[in-house]
Amino acid sequence: MTAKNKATKRIRILIWEKDLNVAALARRIGKSRTWTSQVLYGRMRSEATRRAIADTLGVSVVELWPENNRKAA
């Protein structure tokens, strides 16, 4: 399983544990469902949206998106 797949699985589990779906998560953070989904699953990148998602799910941004912790070469 790749790192991206592990992160996606972790995100899905956290959303489920909070008794949410992507639409409900999007409402909580004040974004559209489409935008939230794109950021969640790595198709778009927004640090502000990632922070809002992580805060809502009660974890750190790095836990959800480990590549944030990598330093630029």
Protein backbone atom coordinates (compact mmCIF):
# COMPACT_ATOMS: atom_id res chain seq x y z
CA MET A 1 0.00 0.00 0.00
CA THR A 2 1.43 3.37 -1.00
CA ALA A 3 1.74 6.30 1.39
CA LYS A 4 -1.02 8.13 -0.46
CA ASN A 5 -3.35 5.14 -0.15
CA LYS A 6 -2.58 4.89 3.58
CA ALA A 7 -3.35 8.58 4.04
CA THR A 8 -6.61 8.24 2.11
CA LYS A 9 -7.63 5.26 4.22
CA ARG A 10 -6.80 7.14 7.43
CA ILE A 11 -8.88 10.13 6.28
CA ARG A 12 -11.86 7.90 5.49
CA ILE A 13 -11.64 6.19 8.88
CA LEU A 14 -11.47 9.52 10.72
CA ILE A 15 -14.46 10.90 8.83
CA TRP A 16 -16.40 7.74 9.66
CA GLU A 17 -15.36 7.87 13.34
CA LYS A 18 -16.68 11.44 13.58
CA ASP A 19 -19.97 10.23 12.05
CA LEU A 20 -19.48 12.54 9.07
CA ASN A 21 -19.38 12.30 5.32
CA VAL A 22 -17.58 14.62 2.91
CA ALA A 23 -20.64 16.87 2.53
CA ALA A 24 -21.05 17.27 6.31
CA LEU A 25 -17.33 17.90 6.73
CA ALA A 26 -17.48 20.53 3.98
CA ARG A 27 -20.38 22.30 5.73
CA ARG A 28 -18.43 22.33 9.01
CA ILE A 29 -15.41 23.98 7.42
CA GLY A 30 -17.44 26.31 5.22
CA LYS A 31 -16.30 24.94 1.86
CA SER A 32 -18.07 23.18 -1.00
CA ARG A 33 -18.27 19.40 -1.04
CA THR A 34 -16.38 19.29 -4.33
CA TRP A 35 -13.52 21.47 -3.07
CA THR A 36 -13.30 19.57 0.21
CA SER A 37 -13.15 16.24 -1.61
CA GLN A 38 -10.45 17.47 -3.97
CA VAL A 39 -8.29 18.68 -1.08
CA LEU A 40 -8.98 15.57 1.02
CA TYR A 41 -7.84 13.17 -1.63
CA GLY A 42 -4.91 15.20 -2.94
CA ARG A 43 -6.20 16.45 -6.28
CA MET A 44 -5.95 20.08 -5.11
CA ARG A 45 -3.78 21.61 -2.43
CA SER A 46 -4.86 24.26 0.03
CA GLU A 47 -3.03 24.62 3.33
CA ALA A 48 -5.94 26.55 4.88
CA THR A 49 -8.45 23.86 3.91
CA ARG A 50 -6.11 21.12 5.09
CA ARG A 51 -5.77 22.85 8.48
CA ALA A 52 -9.54 23.20 8.77
CA ILE A 53 -10.08 19.53 7.91
CA ALA A 54 -7.40 18.36 10.34
CA ASP A 55 -8.81 20.56 13.12
CA THR A 56 -12.32 19.23 12.52
CA LEU A 57 -11.08 15.64 12.58
CA GLY A 58 -8.92 16.26 15.67
CA VAL A 59 -5.56 15.41 14.15
CA SER A 60 -2.53 17.22 12.75
CA VAL A 61 -2.13 18.16 9.11
CA VAL A 62 1.04 16.05 8.92
CA GLU A 63 -0.87 12.99 10.16
CA LEU A 64 -3.32 13.30 7.27
CA TRP A 65 -0.88 14.47 4.61
CA PRO A 66 2.60 13.15 5.54
CA GLU A 67 4.18 14.79 2.50
CA ASN A 68 3.68 18.15 4.27
CA ASN A 69 6.50 17.12 6.57
CA ARG A 70 9.02 16.60 3.76
CA LYS A 71 11.51 19.35 3.17
CA ALA A 72 12.04 20.73 -0.30
CA ALA A 73 15.26 19.50 -1.92
